[in-house]
N, C-alpha and C. Protein backbone atom coordinates (compact mmCIF):
# COMPACT_ATOMS: atom_id res chain seq x y z
N MET A 1 0.84 -1.20 0.00
CA MET A 1 0.00 0.00 0.00
C MET A 1 0.88 1.25 0.00
N LEU A 2 0.55 2.18 -0.86
CA LEU A 2 1.33 3.40 -0.98
C LEU A 2 1.21 4.24 0.29
N LEU A 3 2.36 4.64 0.86
CA LEU A 3 2.41 5.49 2.05
C LEU A 3 1.54 4.94 3.19
N GLU A 4 1.68 3.67 3.46
CA GLU A 4 0.83 3.03 4.48
C GLU A 4 1.04 3.63 5.87
N GLU A 5 2.28 3.84 6.28
CA GLU A 5 2.54 4.38 7.61
C GLU A 5 2.00 5.80 7.74
N GLU A 6 2.14 6.57 6.68
CA GLU A 6 1.62 7.94 6.69
C GLU A 6 0.09 7.94 6.80
N ARG A 7 -0.55 7.01 6.12
CA ARG A 7 -2.00 6.90 6.20
C ARG A 7 -2.44 6.54 7.62
N LYS A 8 -1.71 5.63 8.23
CA LYS A 8 -2.01 5.27 9.62
C LYS A 8 -1.88 6.47 10.54
N HIS A 9 -0.88 7.28 10.27
CA HIS A 9 -0.64 8.44 11.13
C HIS A 9 -1.77 9.47 11.00
N VAL A 10 -2.28 9.64 9.81
CA VAL A 10 -3.42 10.55 9.62
C VAL A 10 -4.61 10.07 10.44
N ILE A 11 -4.84 8.76 10.47
CA ILE A 11 -5.94 8.21 11.27
C ILE A 11 -5.71 8.47 12.75
N GLU A 12 -4.49 8.29 13.22
CA GLU A 12 -4.17 8.55 14.63
C GLU A 12 -4.51 9.99 15.00
N ILE A 13 -4.14 10.92 14.13
CA ILE A 13 -4.45 12.33 14.38
C ILE A 13 -5.95 12.56 14.37
N ALA A 14 -6.65 11.97 13.42
CA ALA A 14 -8.10 12.13 13.33
C ALA A 14 -8.80 11.64 14.59
N LEU A 15 -8.34 10.52 15.12
CA LEU A 15 -8.94 9.97 16.34
C LEU A 15 -8.66 10.87 17.54
N GLN A 16 -7.46 11.41 17.63
CA GLN A 16 -7.15 12.33 18.72
C GLN A 16 -8.04 13.56 18.67
N ILE A 17 -8.21 14.11 17.48
CA ILE A 17 -9.04 15.31 17.32
C ILE A 17 -10.48 15.01 17.69
N SER A 18 -10.97 13.85 17.28
CA SER A 18 -12.34 13.45 17.62
C SER A 18 -12.49 13.28 19.12
N ASP A 19 -11.52 12.62 19.75
CA ASP A 19 -11.58 12.39 21.20
C ASP A 19 -11.54 13.70 21.98
N MET A 20 -10.82 14.68 21.47
CA MET A 20 -10.71 15.98 22.15
C MET A 20 -11.88 16.91 21.83
N LYS A 21 -12.84 16.43 21.06
CA LYS A 21 -14.04 17.20 20.72
C LYS A 21 -13.72 18.49 19.97
N LEU A 22 -12.68 18.43 19.14
CA LEU A 22 -12.37 19.59 18.30
C LEU A 22 -13.21 19.60 17.04
N VAL A 23 -13.94 18.51 16.81
CA VAL A 23 -14.92 18.45 15.71
C VAL A 23 -16.11 17.61 16.17
N PRO A 24 -17.31 17.90 15.67
CA PRO A 24 -18.43 16.99 15.88
C PRO A 24 -18.54 16.01 14.72
N LEU A 25 -19.02 14.82 15.01
CA LEU A 25 -19.33 13.83 13.97
C LEU A 25 -18.17 13.62 13.00
N THR A 26 -18.44 13.76 11.69
CA THR A 26 -17.39 13.55 10.68
C THR A 26 -16.82 14.86 10.16
N TYR A 27 -17.08 15.95 10.86
CA TYR A 27 -16.60 17.26 10.39
C TYR A 27 -15.08 17.32 10.46
N GLY A 28 -14.53 18.33 9.79
CA GLY A 28 -13.09 18.52 9.79
C GLY A 28 -12.40 17.63 8.76
N ASN A 29 -11.14 17.91 8.52
CA ASN A 29 -10.34 17.10 7.61
C ASN A 29 -8.87 17.36 7.90
N TYR A 30 -8.06 16.35 7.61
CA TYR A 30 -6.65 16.37 8.03
C TYR A 30 -5.79 15.75 6.94
N SER A 31 -4.58 16.25 6.83
CA SER A 31 -3.68 15.72 5.80
C SER A 31 -2.24 15.87 6.22
N LEU A 32 -1.40 15.10 5.58
CA LEU A 32 0.04 15.28 5.69
C LEU A 32 0.65 15.13 4.31
N ARG A 33 1.77 15.80 4.11
CA ARG A 33 2.48 15.70 2.84
C ARG A 33 3.78 14.93 3.06
N ASP A 34 4.00 13.93 2.23
CA ASP A 34 5.24 13.16 2.28
C ASP A 34 6.35 14.00 1.66
N PRO A 35 7.39 14.32 2.43
CA PRO A 35 8.43 15.22 1.91
C PRO A 35 9.23 14.64 0.75
N GLU A 36 9.27 13.32 0.64
CA GLU A 36 10.06 12.70 -0.43
C GLU A 36 9.32 12.69 -1.76
N SER A 37 8.08 12.22 -1.74
CA SER A 37 7.32 12.11 -2.99
C SER A 37 6.50 13.36 -3.30
N GLY A 38 6.20 14.16 -2.26
CA GLY A 38 5.34 15.31 -2.45
C GLY A 38 3.86 14.96 -2.46
N LEU A 39 3.55 13.66 -2.30
CA LEU A 39 2.15 13.23 -2.29
C LEU A 39 1.50 13.56 -0.95
N VAL A 40 0.18 13.72 -0.99
CA VAL A 40 -0.59 14.13 0.18
C VAL A 40 -1.55 13.02 0.58
N CYS A 41 -1.57 12.68 1.88
CA CYS A 41 -2.53 11.73 2.43
C CYS A 41 -3.62 12.54 3.13
N VAL A 42 -4.87 12.37 2.70
CA VAL A 42 -5.96 13.19 3.22
C VAL A 42 -7.14 12.30 3.63
N THR A 43 -7.87 12.73 4.64
CA THR A 43 -9.01 11.97 5.11
C THR A 43 -10.11 11.91 4.04
N PRO A 44 -10.91 10.82 4.06
CA PRO A 44 -11.99 10.69 3.09
C PRO A 44 -13.19 11.54 3.48
N SER A 45 -14.10 11.72 2.57
CA SER A 45 -15.27 12.54 2.80
C SER A 45 -16.34 11.79 3.58
N GLY A 46 -16.77 12.37 4.71
CA GLY A 46 -17.96 11.91 5.41
C GLY A 46 -17.90 10.56 6.08
N MET A 47 -16.72 10.07 6.44
CA MET A 47 -16.61 8.77 7.11
C MET A 47 -16.30 8.97 8.59
N PRO A 48 -17.00 8.24 9.48
CA PRO A 48 -16.70 8.32 10.91
C PRO A 48 -15.25 7.95 11.18
N TYR A 49 -14.57 8.75 11.97
CA TYR A 49 -13.14 8.56 12.15
C TYR A 49 -12.79 7.24 12.83
N HIS A 50 -13.66 6.76 13.71
CA HIS A 50 -13.34 5.51 14.42
C HIS A 50 -13.49 4.28 13.53
N THR A 51 -14.03 4.45 12.32
CA THR A 51 -14.17 3.32 11.40
C THR A 51 -13.06 3.28 10.35
N LEU A 52 -12.17 4.26 10.36
CA LEU A 52 -11.18 4.37 9.28
C LEU A 52 -10.11 3.30 9.34
N HIS A 53 -9.75 2.81 8.17
CA HIS A 53 -8.60 1.92 7.97
C HIS A 53 -7.62 2.64 7.05
N PRO A 54 -6.35 2.24 7.05
CA PRO A 54 -5.37 2.91 6.19
C PRO A 54 -5.82 3.02 4.73
N SER A 55 -6.51 2.01 4.23
CA SER A 55 -6.95 2.04 2.84
C SER A 55 -8.02 3.10 2.58
N ASP A 56 -8.65 3.61 3.65
CA ASP A 56 -9.66 4.66 3.49
C ASP A 56 -9.05 6.04 3.29
N ILE A 57 -7.81 6.20 3.73
CA ILE A 57 -7.13 7.48 3.54
C ILE A 57 -6.72 7.59 2.07
N VAL A 58 -6.99 8.73 1.48
CA VAL A 58 -6.77 8.91 0.04
C VAL A 58 -5.44 9.62 -0.20
N VAL A 59 -4.69 9.12 -1.17
CA VAL A 59 -3.43 9.75 -1.56
C VAL A 59 -3.68 10.56 -2.83
N VAL A 60 -3.36 11.85 -2.76
CA VAL A 60 -3.54 12.72 -3.92
C VAL A 60 -2.22 13.41 -4.24
N ASP A 61 -2.13 13.95 -5.45
CA ASP A 61 -0.94 14.74 -5.78
C ASP A 61 -1.16 16.18 -5.36
N ILE A 62 -0.20 17.03 -5.61
CA ILE A 62 -0.23 18.40 -5.13
C ILE A 62 -1.35 19.22 -5.77
N ASP A 63 -1.91 18.70 -6.87
CA ASP A 63 -3.03 19.37 -7.53
C ASP A 63 -4.38 18.77 -7.14
N GLY A 64 -4.35 17.74 -6.26
CA GLY A 64 -5.59 17.16 -5.76
C GLY A 64 -6.09 15.96 -6.54
N SER A 65 -5.37 15.52 -7.55
CA SER A 65 -5.79 14.34 -8.31
C SER A 65 -5.48 13.07 -7.52
N VAL A 66 -6.43 12.14 -7.49
CA VAL A 66 -6.25 10.91 -6.72
C VAL A 66 -5.17 10.04 -7.35
N VAL A 67 -4.22 9.64 -6.52
CA VAL A 67 -3.13 8.76 -6.95
C VAL A 67 -3.38 7.34 -6.48
N ASP A 68 -3.93 7.21 -5.26
CA ASP A 68 -4.20 5.89 -4.70
C ASP A 68 -5.34 5.99 -3.70
N GLY A 69 -6.25 5.03 -3.74
CA GLY A 69 -7.37 5.00 -2.81
C GLY A 69 -8.70 4.86 -3.52
N GLU A 70 -9.63 4.15 -2.87
CA GLU A 70 -10.95 3.91 -3.46
C GLU A 70 -11.99 4.91 -2.97
N ARG A 71 -11.70 5.63 -1.91
CA ARG A 71 -12.67 6.55 -1.33
C ARG A 71 -12.62 7.92 -2.00
N ARG A 72 -13.70 8.67 -1.82
CA ARG A 72 -13.69 10.06 -2.27
C ARG A 72 -12.94 10.88 -1.23
N PRO A 73 -11.98 11.66 -1.65
CA PRO A 73 -11.25 12.48 -0.66
C PRO A 73 -12.15 13.58 -0.11
N SER A 74 -11.75 14.14 1.01
CA SER A 74 -12.48 15.24 1.61
C SER A 74 -12.82 16.31 0.58
N ILE A 75 -14.01 16.91 0.72
CA ILE A 75 -14.38 17.97 -0.22
C ILE A 75 -13.46 19.18 -0.07
N GLU A 76 -12.75 19.25 1.07
CA GLU A 76 -11.84 20.36 1.29
C GLU A 76 -10.41 20.06 0.84
N THR A 77 -10.23 19.02 0.04
CA THR A 77 -8.90 18.71 -0.47
C THR A 77 -8.25 19.90 -1.18
N PRO A 78 -9.00 20.68 -1.99
CA PRO A 78 -8.38 21.87 -2.60
C PRO A 78 -7.83 22.86 -1.58
N LEU A 79 -8.47 22.91 -0.42
CA LEU A 79 -8.00 23.77 0.67
C LEU A 79 -6.61 23.35 1.11
N HIS A 80 -6.42 22.05 1.27
CA HIS A 80 -5.13 21.51 1.71
C HIS A 80 -4.06 21.67 0.63
N THR A 81 -4.37 21.23 -0.57
CA THR A 81 -3.35 21.28 -1.62
C THR A 81 -3.00 22.72 -2.00
N GLY A 82 -3.97 23.62 -1.86
CA GLY A 82 -3.69 25.03 -2.14
C GLY A 82 -2.65 25.61 -1.20
N ILE A 83 -2.74 25.23 0.08
CA ILE A 83 -1.74 25.69 1.05
C ILE A 83 -0.41 25.02 0.80
N TYR A 84 -0.42 23.73 0.51
CA TYR A 84 0.85 23.02 0.23
C TYR A 84 1.58 23.63 -0.96
N ARG A 85 0.82 24.03 -1.98
CA ARG A 85 1.46 24.62 -3.16
C ARG A 85 2.13 25.95 -2.82
N ARG A 86 1.55 26.69 -1.90
CA ARG A 86 2.09 28.00 -1.54
C ARG A 86 3.19 27.93 -0.49
N ARG A 87 3.20 26.84 0.29
CA ARG A 87 4.06 26.80 1.46
C ARG A 87 4.93 25.54 1.46
N ASP A 88 6.18 25.69 1.06
CA ASP A 88 7.10 24.55 1.07
C ASP A 88 7.38 24.05 2.48
N ASP A 89 7.20 24.92 3.48
CA ASP A 89 7.50 24.54 4.86
C ASP A 89 6.41 23.71 5.50
N VAL A 90 5.23 23.67 4.91
CA VAL A 90 4.09 22.98 5.52
C VAL A 90 4.05 21.52 5.09
N LEU A 91 4.01 20.62 6.10
CA LEU A 91 3.90 19.19 5.83
C LEU A 91 2.70 18.56 6.53
N GLY A 92 1.92 19.37 7.23
CA GLY A 92 0.73 18.85 7.89
C GLY A 92 -0.31 19.93 8.07
N ILE A 93 -1.59 19.58 7.84
CA ILE A 93 -2.69 20.54 7.94
C ILE A 93 -3.85 19.90 8.71
N VAL A 94 -4.42 20.68 9.61
CA VAL A 94 -5.56 20.24 10.41
C VAL A 94 -6.66 21.29 10.30
N HIS A 95 -7.83 20.88 9.83
CA HIS A 95 -9.00 21.78 9.75
C HIS A 95 -10.06 21.29 10.72
N THR A 96 -10.34 22.11 11.74
CA THR A 96 -11.29 21.73 12.78
C THR A 96 -12.54 22.60 12.74
N HIS A 97 -13.56 22.13 13.47
CA HIS A 97 -14.78 22.90 13.68
C HIS A 97 -14.98 23.09 15.18
N SER A 98 -13.92 23.41 15.87
CA SER A 98 -13.98 23.54 17.33
C SER A 98 -14.89 24.69 17.73
N THR A 99 -15.55 24.53 18.87
CA THR A 99 -16.65 25.42 19.26
C THR A 99 -16.25 26.89 19.36
N PHE A 100 -15.22 27.19 20.13
CA PHE A 100 -14.89 28.59 20.39
C PHE A 100 -14.24 29.26 19.18
N CYS A 101 -13.42 28.52 18.45
CA CYS A 101 -12.86 29.09 17.21
C CYS A 101 -13.97 29.41 16.22
N THR A 102 -14.93 28.49 16.10
CA THR A 102 -16.02 28.71 15.16
C THR A 102 -16.89 29.89 15.59
N ALA A 103 -17.09 30.02 16.91
CA ALA A 103 -17.86 31.17 17.40
C ALA A 103 -17.18 32.49 17.02
N TRP A 104 -15.87 32.55 17.21
CA TRP A 104 -15.14 33.77 16.82
C TRP A 104 -15.18 33.97 15.31
N ALA A 105 -15.19 32.88 14.56
CA ALA A 105 -15.23 32.98 13.10
C ALA A 105 -16.57 33.51 12.60
N CYS A 106 -17.58 33.50 13.48
CA CYS A 106 -18.89 34.04 13.12
C CYS A 106 -19.02 35.53 13.44
N ARG A 107 -18.02 36.09 14.11
CA ARG A 107 -18.05 37.51 14.44
C ARG A 107 -17.77 38.36 13.20
N ASP A 108 -18.37 39.54 13.16
CA ASP A 108 -18.13 40.47 12.05
C ASP A 108 -16.94 41.35 12.39
N ILE A 109 -15.76 40.72 12.44
CA ILE A 109 -14.52 41.41 12.78
C ILE A 109 -13.43 40.90 11.82
N ASP A 110 -12.31 41.60 11.76
CA ASP A 110 -11.27 41.19 10.82
C ASP A 110 -10.27 40.20 11.41
N GLY A 111 -10.42 39.89 12.71
CA GLY A 111 -9.53 38.92 13.31
C GLY A 111 -9.85 38.69 14.77
N MET A 112 -9.51 37.50 15.27
CA MET A 112 -9.70 37.20 16.69
C MET A 112 -8.56 37.84 17.48
N PRO A 113 -8.86 38.64 18.50
CA PRO A 113 -7.82 39.34 19.24
C PRO A 113 -6.83 38.39 19.90
N CYS A 114 -5.60 38.83 19.99
CA CYS A 114 -4.54 38.04 20.64
C CYS A 114 -4.52 38.42 22.12
N THR A 115 -4.93 37.50 22.97
CA THR A 115 -5.09 37.81 24.39
C THR A 115 -4.18 37.00 25.30
N THR A 116 -3.59 35.93 24.81
CA THR A 116 -2.78 35.08 25.68
C THR A 116 -1.37 34.91 25.11
N SER A 117 -0.45 34.55 25.98
CA SER A 117 0.93 34.34 25.53
C SER A 117 1.02 33.19 24.55
N GLU A 118 0.18 32.16 24.75
CA GLU A 118 0.20 31.02 23.84
C GLU A 118 -0.25 31.42 22.43
N MET A 119 -1.29 32.24 22.36
CA MET A 119 -1.74 32.71 21.05
C MET A 119 -0.69 33.58 20.39
N ALA A 120 -0.03 34.41 21.19
CA ALA A 120 1.04 35.25 20.64
C ALA A 120 2.17 34.39 20.09
N GLY A 121 2.52 33.35 20.83
CA GLY A 121 3.58 32.46 20.37
C GLY A 121 3.21 31.73 19.09
N LEU A 122 1.92 31.49 18.90
CA LEU A 122 1.46 30.76 17.72
C LEU A 122 1.39 31.64 16.48
N VAL A 123 0.75 32.79 16.58
CA VAL A 123 0.50 33.60 15.38
C VAL A 123 1.09 35.00 15.44
N GLY A 124 1.57 35.42 16.60
CA GLY A 124 2.21 36.73 16.68
C GLY A 124 1.30 37.92 16.51
N GLY A 125 0.03 37.76 16.87
CA GLY A 125 -0.93 38.86 16.74
C GLY A 125 -2.34 38.31 16.61
N LYS A 126 -3.25 39.15 16.13
CA LYS A 126 -4.62 38.68 15.98
C LYS A 126 -4.68 37.56 14.94
N VAL A 127 -5.64 36.68 15.12
CA VAL A 127 -5.82 35.55 14.20
C VAL A 127 -6.75 36.00 13.07
N LYS A 128 -6.26 35.99 11.87
CA LYS A 128 -7.05 36.46 10.73
C LYS A 128 -8.25 35.55 10.47
N ILE A 129 -9.28 36.13 9.92
CA ILE A 129 -10.50 35.39 9.57
C ILE A 129 -10.73 35.49 8.07
N ALA A 130 -10.71 34.35 7.40
CA ALA A 130 -10.97 34.32 5.96
C ALA A 130 -12.44 34.62 5.70
N ASP A 131 -12.72 35.27 4.59
CA ASP A 131 -14.11 35.53 4.21
C ASP A 131 -14.87 34.22 4.04
N PHE A 132 -16.17 34.25 4.34
CA PHE A 132 -16.98 33.05 4.14
C PHE A 132 -17.09 32.73 2.65
N CYS A 133 -16.91 31.46 2.34
CA CYS A 133 -17.14 30.94 0.99
C CYS A 133 -17.76 29.56 1.15
N LEU A 134 -18.41 29.08 0.14
CA LEU A 134 -19.07 27.78 0.22
C LEU A 134 -18.06 26.67 0.51
N PRO A 135 -18.39 25.77 1.45
CA PRO A 135 -17.49 24.66 1.76
C PRO A 135 -17.18 23.83 0.51
N GLY A 136 -15.93 23.46 0.37
CA GLY A 136 -15.51 22.64 -0.75
C GLY A 136 -15.22 23.41 -2.03
N SER A 137 -15.44 24.72 -2.00
CA SER A 137 -15.25 25.51 -3.22
C SER A 137 -13.81 25.96 -3.39
N GLN A 138 -13.45 26.25 -4.62
CA GLN A 138 -12.12 26.80 -4.89
C GLN A 138 -12.00 28.19 -4.26
N GLU A 139 -13.12 28.90 -4.19
CA GLU A 139 -13.11 30.22 -3.57
C GLU A 139 -12.71 30.12 -2.10
N LEU A 140 -13.22 29.09 -1.41
CA LEU A 140 -12.85 28.90 -0.01
C LEU A 140 -11.37 28.57 0.11
N ALA A 141 -10.89 27.70 -0.76
CA ALA A 141 -9.47 27.34 -0.74
C ALA A 141 -8.59 28.57 -0.94
N ASP A 142 -8.96 29.41 -1.90
CA ASP A 142 -8.16 30.60 -2.19
C ASP A 142 -8.22 31.61 -1.04
N ALA A 143 -9.41 31.82 -0.50
CA ALA A 143 -9.58 32.79 0.58
C ALA A 143 -8.82 32.37 1.83
N THR A 144 -8.83 31.07 2.11
CA THR A 144 -8.15 30.57 3.31
C THR A 144 -6.64 30.63 3.14
N ALA A 145 -6.15 30.24 1.97
CA ALA A 145 -4.71 30.31 1.72
C ALA A 145 -4.22 31.75 1.82
N GLU A 146 -5.04 32.68 1.37
CA GLU A 146 -4.67 34.10 1.45
C GLU A 146 -4.66 34.57 2.91
N ALA A 147 -5.66 34.13 3.68
CA ALA A 147 -5.76 34.58 5.07
C ALA A 147 -4.65 34.01 5.94
N ILE A 148 -4.33 32.74 5.76
CA ILE A 148 -3.30 32.14 6.60
C ILE A 148 -1.91 32.64 6.21
N GLY A 149 -1.72 32.96 4.93
CA GLY A 149 -0.44 33.50 4.48
C GLY A 149 0.72 32.65 4.94
N ASN A 150 1.65 33.24 5.67
CA ASN A 150 2.79 32.51 6.21
C ASN A 150 2.61 32.16 7.69
N ASP A 151 1.39 32.35 8.20
CA ASP A 151 1.11 32.03 9.60
C ASP A 151 0.83 30.54 9.77
N LYS A 152 0.70 30.15 11.03
CA LYS A 152 0.41 28.75 11.34
C LYS A 152 -1.09 28.49 11.48
N ALA A 153 -1.88 29.54 11.55
CA ALA A 153 -3.31 29.33 11.80
C ALA A 153 -4.13 30.52 11.33
N CYS A 154 -5.37 30.24 10.99
CA CYS A 154 -6.35 31.30 10.76
C CYS A 154 -7.73 30.70 10.98
N LEU A 155 -8.72 31.57 11.09
CA LEU A 155 -10.10 31.14 11.17
C LEU A 155 -10.74 31.24 9.80
N MET A 156 -11.81 30.47 9.60
CA MET A 156 -12.53 30.46 8.34
C MET A 156 -13.93 30.97 8.62
N GLY A 157 -14.28 32.09 8.00
CA GLY A 157 -15.52 32.78 8.32
C GLY A 157 -16.74 31.88 8.38
N ASN A 158 -17.48 31.92 9.52
CA ASN A 158 -18.70 31.14 9.72
C ASN A 158 -18.49 29.65 9.50
N HIS A 159 -17.29 29.16 9.78
CA HIS A 159 -16.97 27.79 9.37
C HIS A 159 -16.13 27.05 10.42
N GLY A 160 -14.92 27.51 10.70
CA GLY A 160 -14.05 26.79 11.62
C GLY A 160 -12.66 27.38 11.65
N ALA A 161 -11.68 26.50 11.80
CA ALA A 161 -10.28 26.94 11.91
C ALA A 161 -9.39 26.01 11.11
N ILE A 162 -8.21 26.51 10.75
CA ILE A 162 -7.24 25.67 10.06
C ILE A 162 -5.85 25.99 10.58
N CYS A 163 -5.05 24.94 10.75
CA CYS A 163 -3.67 25.08 11.21
C CYS A 163 -2.76 24.34 10.25
N ALA A 164 -1.62 24.95 9.94
CA ALA A 164 -0.66 24.38 9.00
C ALA A 164 0.73 24.52 9.60
N ASP A 165 1.48 23.40 9.61
CA ASP A 165 2.78 23.45 10.28
C ASP A 165 3.74 22.45 9.64
N VAL A 166 4.90 22.31 10.26
CA VAL A 166 5.96 21.48 9.69
C VAL A 166 5.65 19.99 9.80
N SER A 167 4.62 19.63 10.55
CA SER A 167 4.16 18.24 10.63
C SER A 167 2.70 18.25 11.03
N ILE A 168 2.02 17.14 10.81
CA ILE A 168 0.62 17.07 11.21
C ILE A 168 0.49 17.06 12.72
N ASP A 169 1.52 16.54 13.42
CA ASP A 169 1.51 16.57 14.88
C ASP A 169 1.57 18.01 15.39
N ASP A 170 2.43 18.81 14.78
CA ASP A 170 2.53 20.21 15.17
C ASP A 170 1.26 20.97 14.83
N ALA A 171 0.64 20.64 13.70
CA ALA A 171 -0.61 21.29 13.33
C ALA A 171 -1.71 20.97 14.35
N LEU A 172 -1.71 19.75 14.87
CA LEU A 172 -2.67 19.38 15.91
C LEU A 172 -2.43 20.20 17.18
N LYS A 173 -1.16 20.31 17.58
CA LYS A 173 -0.84 21.13 18.76
C LYS A 173 -1.31 22.57 18.55
N ASP A 174 -1.10 23.09 17.36
CA ASP A 174 -1.54 24.45 17.05
C ASP A 174 -3.06 24.58 17.21
N ALA A 175 -3.79 23.56 16.75
CA ALA A 175 -5.25 23.60 16.83
C ALA A 175 -5.72 23.60 18.29
N ILE A 176 -5.01 22.87 19.14
CA ILE A 176 -5.35 22.84 20.57
C ILE A 176 -5.09 24.21 21.19
N ILE A 177 -3.93 24.79 20.89
CA ILE A 177 -3.59 26.12 21.42
C ILE A 177 -4.59 27.16 20.94
N LEU A 178 -4.95 27.08 19.66
CA LEU A 178 -5.88 28.05 19.08
C LEU A 178 -7.25 27.97 19.75
N GLU A 179 -7.76 26.78 19.94
CA GLU A 179 -9.07 26.63 20.57
C GLU A 179 -9.04 27.08 22.03
N GLU A 180 -7.98 26.77 22.74
CA GLU A 180 -7.87 27.21 24.13
C GLU A 180 -7.81 28.74 24.20
N GLY A 181 -7.06 29.35 23.28
CA GLY A 181 -7.00 30.81 23.25
C GLY A 181 -8.35 31.43 22.92
N ALA A 182 -9.07 30.81 22.00
CA ALA A 182 -10.41 31.31 21.65
C ALA A 182 -11.36 31.20 22.84
N LYS A 183 -11.22 30.12 23.59
CA LYS A 183 -12.06 29.91 24.78
C LYS A 183 -11.75 30.95 25.85
N VAL A 184 -10.47 31.16 26.14
CA VAL A 184 -10.07 32.16 27.14
C VAL A 184 -10.55 33.54 26.72
N SER A 185 -10.38 33.88 25.45
CA SER A 185 -10.80 35.19 24.96
C SER A 185 -12.31 35.37 25.12
N PHE A 186 -13.05 34.34 24.80
CA PHE A 186 -14.51 34.41 24.94
C PHE A 186 -14.90 34.75 26.37
N TYR A 187 -14.34 34.02 27.32
CA TYR A 187 -14.68 34.26 28.72
C TYR A 187 -14.18 35.61 29.21
N ALA A 188 -13.00 36.00 28.75
CA ALA A 188 -12.44 37.28 29.17
C ALA A 188 -13.35 38.43 28.76
N PHE A 189 -13.88 38.37 27.55
CA PHE A 189 -14.75 39.44 27.07
C PHE A 189 -16.09 39.46 27.82
N GLN A 190 -16.51 38.31 28.36
CA GLN A 190 -17.73 38.30 29.17
C GLN A 190 -17.52 38.99 30.51
N MET A 191 -16.28 39.01 30.97
CA MET A 191 -15.97 39.55 32.30
C MET A 191 -15.79 41.07 32.30
N GLY A 192 -15.55 41.67 31.15
CA GLY A 192 -15.36 43.12 31.11
C GLY A 192 -14.26 43.52 30.16
N ASP A 193 -13.55 44.59 30.50
CA ASP A 193 -12.48 45.09 29.65
C ASP A 193 -11.37 44.04 29.51
N VAL A 194 -10.83 43.94 28.31
CA VAL A 194 -9.82 42.92 28.01
C VAL A 194 -8.52 43.59 27.59
N ASN A 195 -7.42 43.12 28.13
CA ASN A 195 -6.10 43.62 27.77
C ASN A 195 -5.59 42.82 26.57
N ILE A 196 -5.75 43.38 25.39
CA ILE A 196 -5.31 42.71 24.16
C ILE A 196 -3.83 43.00 23.95
N LEU A 197 -3.07 41.96 23.65
CA LEU A 197 -1.63 42.13 23.45
C LEU A 197 -1.36 42.95 22.19
N ALA A 198 -0.51 43.95 22.32
CA ALA A 198 -0.14 44.77 21.17
C ALA A 198 0.61 43.94 20.15
N ASP A 199 0.46 44.29 18.87
CA ASP A 199 1.09 43.52 17.80
C ASP A 199 2.60 43.40 18.00
N GLN A 200 3.24 44.49 18.40
CA GLN A 200 4.69 44.47 18.58
C GLN A 200 5.10 43.48 19.66
N ILE A 201 4.36 43.46 20.77
CA ILE A 201 4.64 42.52 21.86
C ILE A 201 4.38 41.10 21.40
N ALA A 202 3.26 40.89 20.71
CA ALA A 202 2.91 39.55 20.24
C ALA A 202 3.97 39.01 19.29
N LYS A 203 4.49 39.86 18.41
CA LYS A 203 5.53 39.43 17.48
C LYS A 203 6.80 39.03 18.22
N LEU A 204 7.16 39.79 19.24
CA LEU A 204 8.34 39.45 20.04
C LEU A 204 8.15 38.12 20.76
N MET A 205 6.95 37.89 21.25
CA MET A 205 6.67 36.63 21.94
C MET A 205 6.70 35.46 20.97
N GLN A 206 6.22 35.68 19.75
CA GLN A 206 6.28 34.63 18.74
C GLN A 206 7.73 34.29 18.41
N GLN A 207 8.55 35.31 18.24
CA GLN A 207 9.96 35.09 17.95
C GLN A 207 10.64 34.35 19.10
N ASP A 208 10.33 34.74 20.32
CA ASP A 208 10.92 34.09 21.49
C ASP A 208 10.51 32.63 21.57
N THR A 209 9.24 32.35 21.28
CA THR A 209 8.75 30.97 21.29
C THR A 209 9.47 30.14 20.24
N THR A 210 9.62 30.70 19.05
CA THR A 210 10.28 29.99 17.96
C THR A 210 11.73 29.68 18.28
N GLU A 211 12.41 30.63 18.91
CA GLU A 211 13.85 30.49 19.13
C GLU A 211 14.21 29.74 20.41
N HIS A 212 13.34 29.79 21.43
CA HIS A 212 13.77 29.31 22.73
C HIS A 212 12.90 28.22 23.36
N TYR A 213 11.65 28.06 22.89
CA TYR A 213 10.78 27.09 23.53
C TYR A 213 11.08 25.67 23.06
N GLY A 214 11.09 24.72 23.99
CA GLY A 214 11.33 23.32 23.65
C GLY A 214 12.80 22.98 23.61
N GLN A 215 13.08 21.78 23.12
CA GLN A 215 14.45 21.27 23.08
C GLN A 215 15.10 21.53 21.72
N VAL A 216 16.41 21.61 21.73
CA VAL A 216 17.15 21.79 20.49
C VAL A 216 17.05 20.52 19.67
N LYS A 217 16.70 20.67 18.39
CA LYS A 217 16.55 19.50 17.52
C LYS A 217 17.82 19.26 16.73
């Protein structure tokens, strides 16, 4: 089976996301890009994550054409491949429908405010919100790729969130941080005035996180 271990890993990530309630039912989609072949392993459309087998994960090329697999790939495959084409550094993408991120994505604002050190470390400022477009459309893929730019995360208007990083494991961590930040921000705004981190401070915190957090690889 082509990229069998990579397909298994996508399932592992999908199950973790489901267990953490970052998506309801079969919502969301996840992928990883094999750095050697450039091929992408992406979740199938509309299948319960706990029923997935490696053969259910679809292998597509960078343009989204199916290379291996009998299932229909996620309708958001263009969203994934569009980011991969723009970002050589990205090898994993996680698209969630987590509650607090989605709530912020429904706000009529240009971005979710940066209120915590973790959010600053992740995106270095407010989290951009892509304009709403129909799910599965090329317009959505283009709008999201534009919104995320060179960042690790953005929200998708009236839809959810997406994280892109150097691995699918890192993209999952980003999704957890993003949802927790969205949750904290939601509660903070219910309590009264909120101290939003200035862009300059957030950028410095992002740089510090990148350079100093974790172990030397």
